[in-house]
Amino acid sequence: MTNLQMIEALCHLIEEETKLLLTLAARLEEIDAVTDAEKEAVEAVRKKYTQFLGHDEAPDFLDLE
């Protein structure tokens, strides 16, 4: 595996983990099992992820609002 392939694989892994985090957070919120601090933490992760990639590069699944 080349360095570029490894970077691509890691980026894909982070994308999948972020997608899972946001999905689970939304489900927990549906059953009112999330604190305000946890909601803020999830939003902070979403913002950092979007800022890292740039607004035009963020995956579609981040438009969950």
PDB file of N, CA and C in Angstrom:
ATOM      1  N   MET A   1       0.851  -1.177   0.000  1.00  0.00           N
ATOM      2  CA  MET A   1       0.000   0.000   0.000  1.00  0.00           C
ATOM      3  C   MET A   1       0.893   1.235   0.000  1.00  0.00           C
ATOM      4  N   THR A   2       0.626   2.127  -0.927  1.00  0.00           N
ATOM      5  CA  THR A   2       1.405   3.365  -0.991  1.00  0.00           C
ATOM      6  C   THR A   2       0.910   4.345   0.078  1.00  0.00           C
ATOM      7  N   ASN A   3       1.684   5.387   0.303  1.00  0.00           N
ATOM      8  CA  ASN A   3       1.278   6.406   1.272  1.00  0.00           C
ATOM      9  C   ASN A   3      -0.039   7.058   0.853  1.00  0.00           C
ATOM     10  N   LEU A   4      -0.194   7.330  -0.430  1.00  0.00           N
ATOM     11  CA  LEU A   4      -1.422   7.940  -0.925  1.00  0.00           C
ATOM     12  C   LEU A   4      -2.627   7.019  -0.696  1.00  0.00           C
ATOM     13  N   GLN A   5      -2.443   5.735  -0.954  1.00  0.00           N
ATOM     14  CA  GLN A   5      -3.532   4.782  -0.709  1.00  0.00           C
ATOM     15  C   GLN A   5      -3.888   4.719   0.769  1.00  0.00           C
ATOM     16  N   MET A   6      -2.884   4.798   1.620  1.00  0.00           N
ATOM     17  CA  MET A   6      -3.128   4.772   3.053  1.00  0.00           C
ATOM     18  C   MET A   6      -3.895   6.031   3.486  1.00  0.00           C
ATOM     19  N   ILE A   7      -3.510   7.180   2.960  1.00  0.00           N
ATOM     20  CA  ILE A   7      -4.204   8.429   3.283  1.00  0.00           C
ATOM     21  C   ILE A   7      -5.650   8.350   2.813  1.00  0.00           C
ATOM     22  N   GLU A   8      -5.860   7.853   1.610  1.00  0.00           N
ATOM     23  CA  GLU A   8      -7.226   7.716   1.095  1.00  0.00           C
ATOM     24  C   GLU A   8      -8.052   6.767   1.957  1.00  0.00           C
ATOM     25  N   ALA A   9      -7.463   5.668   2.388  1.00  0.00           N
ATOM     26  CA  ALA A   9      -8.164   4.710   3.237  1.00  0.00           C
ATOM     27  C   ALA A   9      -8.511   5.332   4.593  1.00  0.00           C
ATOM     28  N   LEU A  10      -7.584   6.084   5.156  1.00  0.00           N
ATOM     29  CA  LEU A  10      -7.836   6.747   6.436  1.00  0.00           C
ATOM     30  C   LEU A  10      -8.916   7.818   6.302  1.00  0.00           C
ATOM     31  N   CYS A  11      -8.900   8.554   5.206  1.00  0.00           N
ATOM     32  CA  CYS A  11      -9.942   9.564   4.974  1.00  0.00           C
ATOM     33  C   CYS A  11     -11.308   8.903   4.865  1.00  0.00           C
ATOM     34  N   HIS A  12     -11.372   7.790   4.171  1.00  0.00           N
ATOM     35  CA  HIS A  12     -12.637   7.066   4.044  1.00  0.00           C
ATOM     36  C   HIS A  12     -13.108   6.577   5.418  1.00  0.00           C
ATOM     37  N   LEU A  13     -12.182   6.075   6.211  1.00  0.00           N
ATOM     38  CA  LEU A  13     -12.517   5.607   7.554  1.00  0.00           C
ATOM     39  C   LEU A  13     -13.072   6.744   8.408  1.00  0.00           C
ATOM     40  N   ILE A  14     -12.442   7.896   8.371  1.00  0.00           N
ATOM     41  CA  ILE A  14     -12.915   9.053   9.136  1.00  0.00           C
ATOM     42  C   ILE A  14     -14.296   9.480   8.657  1.00  0.00           C
ATOM     43  N   GLU A  15     -14.514   9.453   7.337  1.00  0.00           N
ATOM     44  CA  GLU A  15     -15.823   9.812   6.797  1.00  0.00           C
ATOM     45  C   GLU A  15     -16.903   8.857   7.314  1.00  0.00           C
ATOM     46  N   GLU A  16     -16.609   7.576   7.307  1.00  0.00           N
ATOM     47  CA  GLU A  16     -17.577   6.592   7.784  1.00  0.00           C
ATOM     48  C   GLU A  16     -17.833   6.737   9.288  1.00  0.00           C
ATOM     49  N   GLU A  17     -16.782   6.983  10.054  1.00  0.00           N
ATOM     50  CA  GLU A  17     -16.948   7.166  11.494  1.00  0.00           C
ATOM     51  C   GLU A  17     -17.753   8.420  11.808  1.00  0.00           C
ATOM     52  N   THR A  18     -17.521   9.488  11.069  1.00  0.00           N
ATOM     53  CA  THR A  18     -18.271  10.723  11.273  1.00  0.00           C
ATOM     54  C   THR A  18     -19.740  10.517  10.934  1.00  0.00           C
ATOM     55  N   LYS A  19     -19.986   9.828   9.844  1.00  0.00           N
ATOM     56  CA  LYS A  19     -21.359   9.527   9.439  1.00  0.00           C
ATOM     57  C   LYS A  19     -22.061   8.718  10.540  1.00  0.00           C
ATOM     58  N   LEU A  20     -21.382   7.722  11.059  1.00  0.00           N
ATOM     59  CA  LEU A  20     -21.945   6.897  12.128  1.00  0.00           C
ATOM     60  C   LEU A  20     -22.202   7.719  13.386  1.00  0.00           C
ATOM     61  N   LEU A  21     -21.257   8.554  13.771  1.00  0.00           N
ATOM     62  CA  LEU A  21     -21.407   9.406  14.946  1.00  0.00           C
ATOM     63  C   LEU A  21     -22.639  10.294  14.824  1.00  0.00           C
ATOM     64  N   LEU A  22     -22.803  10.925  13.670  1.00  0.00           N
ATOM     65  CA  LEU A  22     -23.937  11.828  13.489  1.00  0.00           C
ATOM     66  C   LEU A  22     -25.265  11.070  13.456  1.00  0.00           C
ATOM     67  N   THR A  23     -25.268   9.895  12.863  1.00  0.00           N
ATOM     68  CA  THR A  23     -26.485   9.080  12.833  1.00  0.00           C
ATOM     69  C   THR A  23     -26.867   8.628  14.235  1.00  0.00           C
ATOM     70  N   LEU A  24     -25.902   8.138  14.990  1.00  0.00           N
ATOM     71  CA  LEU A  24     -26.179   7.689  16.359  1.00  0.00           C
ATOM     72  C   LEU A  24     -26.616   8.858  17.249  1.00  0.00           C
ATOM     73  N   ALA A  25     -25.987   9.995  17.081  1.00  0.00           N
ATOM     74  CA  ALA A  25     -26.369  11.167  17.874  1.00  0.00           C
ATOM     75  C   ALA A  25     -27.804  11.574  17.568  1.00  0.00           C
ATOM     76  N   ALA A  26     -28.184  11.524  16.297  1.00  0.00           N
ATOM     77  CA  ALA A  26     -29.555  11.873  15.923  1.00  0.00           C
ATOM     78  C   ALA A  26     -30.551  10.885  16.519  1.00  0.00           C
ATOM     79  N   ARG A  27     -30.225   9.616  16.497  1.00  0.00           N
ATOM     80  CA  ARG A  27     -31.117   8.598  17.079  1.00  0.00           C
ATOM     81  C   ARG A  27     -31.252   8.775  18.591  1.00  0.00           C
ATOM     82  N   LEU A  28     -30.145   9.051  19.258  1.00  0.00           N
ATOM     83  CA  LEU A  28     -30.197   9.274  20.701  1.00  0.00           C
ATOM     84  C   LEU A  28     -31.023  10.510  21.034  1.00  0.00           C
ATOM     85  N   GLU A  29     -30.913  11.519  20.189  1.00  0.00           N
ATOM     86  CA  GLU A  29     -31.694  12.737  20.421  1.00  0.00           C
ATOM     87  C   GLU A  29     -33.189  12.465  20.261  1.00  0.00           C
ATOM     88  N   GLU A  30     -33.534  11.574  19.337  1.00  0.00           N
ATOM     89  CA  GLU A  30     -34.943  11.217  19.120  1.00  0.00           C
ATOM     90  C   GLU A  30     -35.582  10.639  20.385  1.00  0.00           C
ATOM     91  N   ILE A  31     -34.801   9.907  21.163  1.00  0.00           N
ATOM     92  CA  ILE A  31     -35.343   9.308  22.386  1.00  0.00           C
ATOM     93  C   ILE A  31     -34.944  10.113  23.625  1.00  0.00           C
ATOM     94  N   ASP A  32     -34.492  11.336  23.387  1.00  0.00           N
ATOM     95  CA  ASP A  32     -34.123  12.265  24.458  1.00  0.00           C
ATOM     96  C   ASP A  32     -33.076  11.667  25.404  1.00  0.00           C
ATOM     97  N   ALA A  33     -32.069  11.019  24.815  1.00  0.00           N
ATOM     98  CA  ALA A  33     -31.015  10.380  25.594  1.00  0.00           C
ATOM     99  C   ALA A  33     -29.661  11.054  25.378  1.00  0.00           C
ATOM    100  N   VAL A  34     -29.698  12.349  25.088  1.00  0.00           N
ATOM    101  CA  VAL A  34     -28.475  13.102  24.840  1.00  0.00           C
ATOM    102  C   VAL A  34     -28.520  14.385  25.659  1.00  0.00           C
ATOM    103  N   THR A  35     -27.418  14.666  26.326  1.00  0.00           N
ATOM    104  CA  THR A  35     -27.350  15.900  27.106  1.00  0.00           C
ATOM    105  C   THR A  35     -27.003  17.075  26.196  1.00  0.00           C
ATOM    106  N   ASP A  36     -27.212  18.264  26.703  1.00  0.00           N
ATOM    107  CA  ASP A  36     -26.852  19.453  25.933  1.00  0.00           C
ATOM    108  C   ASP A  36     -25.354  19.481  25.644  1.00  0.00           C
ATOM    109  N   ALA A  37     -24.547  19.053  26.604  1.00  0.00           N
ATOM    110  CA  ALA A  37     -23.091  19.024  26.412  1.00  0.00           C
ATOM    111  C   ALA A  37     -22.713  18.046  25.298  1.00  0.00           C
ATOM    112  N   GLU A  38     -23.392  16.909  25.241  1.00  0.00           N
ATOM    113  CA  GLU A  38     -23.120  15.934  24.179  1.00  0.00           C
ATOM    114  C   GLU A  38     -23.554  16.468  22.813  1.00  0.00           C
ATOM    115  N   LYS A  39     -24.679  17.169  22.786  1.00  0.00           N
ATOM    116  CA  LYS A  39     -25.137  17.786  21.532  1.00  0.00           C
ATOM    117  C   LYS A  39     -24.100  18.796  21.039  1.00  0.00           C
ATOM    118  N   GLU A  40     -23.582  19.599  21.962  1.00  0.00           N
ATOM    119  CA  GLU A  40     -22.570  20.589  21.605  1.00  0.00           C
ATOM    120  C   GLU A  40     -21.296  19.922  21.110  1.00  0.00           C
ATOM    121  N   ALA A  41     -20.924  18.805  21.722  1.00  0.00           N
ATOM    122  CA  ALA A  41     -19.722  18.078  21.304  1.00  0.00           C
ATOM    123  C   ALA A  41     -19.889  17.519  19.892  1.00  0.00           C
ATOM    124  N   VAL A  42     -21.045  16.981  19.604  1.00  0.00           N
ATOM    125  CA  VAL A  42     -21.314  16.443  18.263  1.00  0.00           C
ATOM    126  C   VAL A  42     -21.276  17.568  17.241  1.00  0.00           C
ATOM    127  N   GLU A  43     -21.882  18.688  17.560  1.00  0.00           N
ATOM    128  CA  GLU A  43     -21.883  19.831  16.644  1.00  0.00           C
ATOM    129  C   GLU A  43     -20.466  20.349  16.425  1.00  0.00           C
ATOM    130  N   ALA A  44     -19.648  20.346  17.466  1.00  0.00           N
ATOM    131  CA  ALA A  44     -18.263  20.796  17.335  1.00  0.00           C
ATOM    132  C   ALA A  44     -17.484  19.880  16.396  1.00  0.00           C
ATOM    133  N   VAL A  45     -17.707  18.577  16.508  1.00  0.00           N
ATOM    134  CA  VAL A  45     -17.048  17.619  15.614  1.00  0.00           C
ATOM    135  C   VAL A  45     -17.496  17.854  14.175  1.00  0.00           C
ATOM    136  N   ARG A  46     -18.793  18.049  13.981  1.00  0.00           N
ATOM    137  CA  ARG A  46     -19.321  18.277  12.637  1.00  0.00           C
ATOM    138  C   ARG A  46     -18.708  19.533  12.029  1.00  0.00           C
ATOM    139  N   LYS A  47     -18.605  20.594  12.826  1.00  0.00           N
ATOM    140  CA  LYS A  47     -18.029  21.854  12.335  1.00  0.00           C
ATOM    141  C   LYS A  47     -16.546  21.691  11.995  1.00  0.00           C
ATOM    142  N   LYS A  48     -15.795  21.020  12.867  1.00  0.00           N
ATOM    143  CA  LYS A  48     -14.369  20.805  12.606  1.00  0.00           C
ATOM    144  C   LYS A  48     -14.163  19.995  11.335  1.00  0.00           C
ATOM    145  N   TYR A  49     -14.986  18.973  11.156  1.00  0.00           N
ATOM    146  CA  TYR A  49     -14.895  18.121   9.978  1.00  0.00           C
ATOM    147  C   TYR A  49     -15.147  18.941   8.717  1.00  0.00           C
ATOM    148  N   THR A  50     -16.189  19.763   8.750  1.00  0.00           N
ATOM    149  CA  THR A  50     -16.531  20.593   7.599  1.00  0.00           C
ATOM    150  C   THR A  50     -15.438  21.631   7.343  1.00  0.00           C
ATOM    151  N   GLN A  51     -14.918  22.239   8.396  1.00  0.00           N
ATOM    152  CA  GLN A  51     -13.858  23.239   8.235  1.00  0.00           C
ATOM    153  C   GLN A  51     -12.592  22.610   7.657  1.00  0.00           C
ATOM    154  N   PHE A  52     -12.294  21.411   8.097  1.00  0.00           N
ATOM    155  CA  PHE A  52     -11.096  20.720   7.623  1.00  0.00           C
ATOM    156  C   PHE A  52     -11.184  20.463   6.125  1.00  0.00           C
ATOM    157  N   LEU A  53     -12.353  20.003   5.682  1.00  0.00           N
ATOM    158  CA  LEU A  53     -12.525  19.686   4.270  1.00  0.00           C
ATOM    159  C   LEU A  53     -12.813  20.913   3.426  1.00  0.00           C
ATOM    160  N   GLY A  54     -13.366  21.933   4.045  1.00  0.00           N
ATOM    161  CA  GLY A  54     -13.816  23.103   3.303  1.00  0.00           C
ATOM    162  C   GLY A  54     -15.297  22.946   2.998  1.00  0.00           C
ATOM    163  N   HIS A  55     -15.994  24.046   2.978  1.00  0.00           N
ATOM    164  CA  HIS A  55     -17.449  24.012   2.826  1.00  0.00           C
ATOM    165  C   HIS A  55     -17.895  23.279   1.564  1.00  0.00           C
ATOM    166  N   ASP A  56     -17.245  23.532   0.456  1.00  0.00           N
ATOM    167  CA  ASP A  56     -17.656  22.917  -0.802  1.00  0.00           C
ATOM    168  C   ASP A  56     -17.232  21.455  -0.912  1.00  0.00           C
ATOM    169  N   GLU A  57     -16.382  21.001  -0.024  1.00  0.00           N
ATOM    170  CA  GLU A  57     -15.884  19.637  -0.089  1.00  0.00           C
ATOM    171  C   GLU A  57     -16.543  18.702   0.919  1.00  0.00           C
ATOM    172  N   ALA A  58     -17.390  19.236   1.787  1.00  0.00           N
ATOM    173  CA  ALA A  58     -18.013  18.410   2.820  1.00  0.00           C
ATOM    174  C   ALA A  58     -18.957  17.397   2.184  1.00  0.00           C
ATOM    175  N   PRO A  59     -18.958  16.157   2.683  1.00  0.00           N
ATOM    176  CA  PRO A  59     -19.866  15.138   2.153  1.00  0.00           C
ATOM    177  C   PRO A  59     -21.324  15.525   2.357  1.00  0.00           C
ATOM    178  N   ASP A  60     -22.187  15.039   1.497  1.00  0.00           N
ATOM    179  CA  ASP A  60     -23.609  15.364   1.561  1.00  0.00           C
ATOM    180  C   ASP A  60     -24.246  14.957   2.873  1.00  0.00           C
ATOM    181  N   PHE A  61     -23.769  13.890   3.502  1.00  0.00           N
ATOM    182  CA  PHE A  61     -24.420  13.428   4.719  1.00  0.00           C
ATOM    183  C   PHE A  61     -24.300  14.430   5.861  1.00  0.00           C
ATOM    184  N   LEU A  62     -23.435  15.416   5.752  1.00  0.00           N
ATOM    185  CA  LEU A  62     -23.318  16.418   6.805  1.00  0.00           C
ATOM    186  C   LEU A  62     -24.455  17.431   6.764  1.00  0.00           C
ATOM    187  N   ASP A  63     -25.243  17.405   5.730  1.00  0.00           N
ATOM    188  CA  ASP A  63     -26.400  18.316   5.628  1.00  0.00           C
ATOM    189  C   ASP A  63     -27.616  17.682   6.283  1.00  0.00           C
ATOM    190  N   LEU A  64     -27.477  17.321   7.560  1.00  0.00           N
ATOM    191  CA  LEU A  64     -28.551  16.652   8.283  1.00  0.00           C
ATOM    192  C   LEU A  64     -29.484  17.632   8.952  1.00  0.00           C
ATOM    193  N   GLU A  65     -29.208  18.913   8.864  1.00  0.00           N
ATOM    194  CA  GLU A  65     -30.002  19.904   9.574  1.00  0.00           C
ATOM    195  C   GLU A  65     -31.283  20.225   8.846  1.00  0.00           C
TER     196      GLU A  65
END
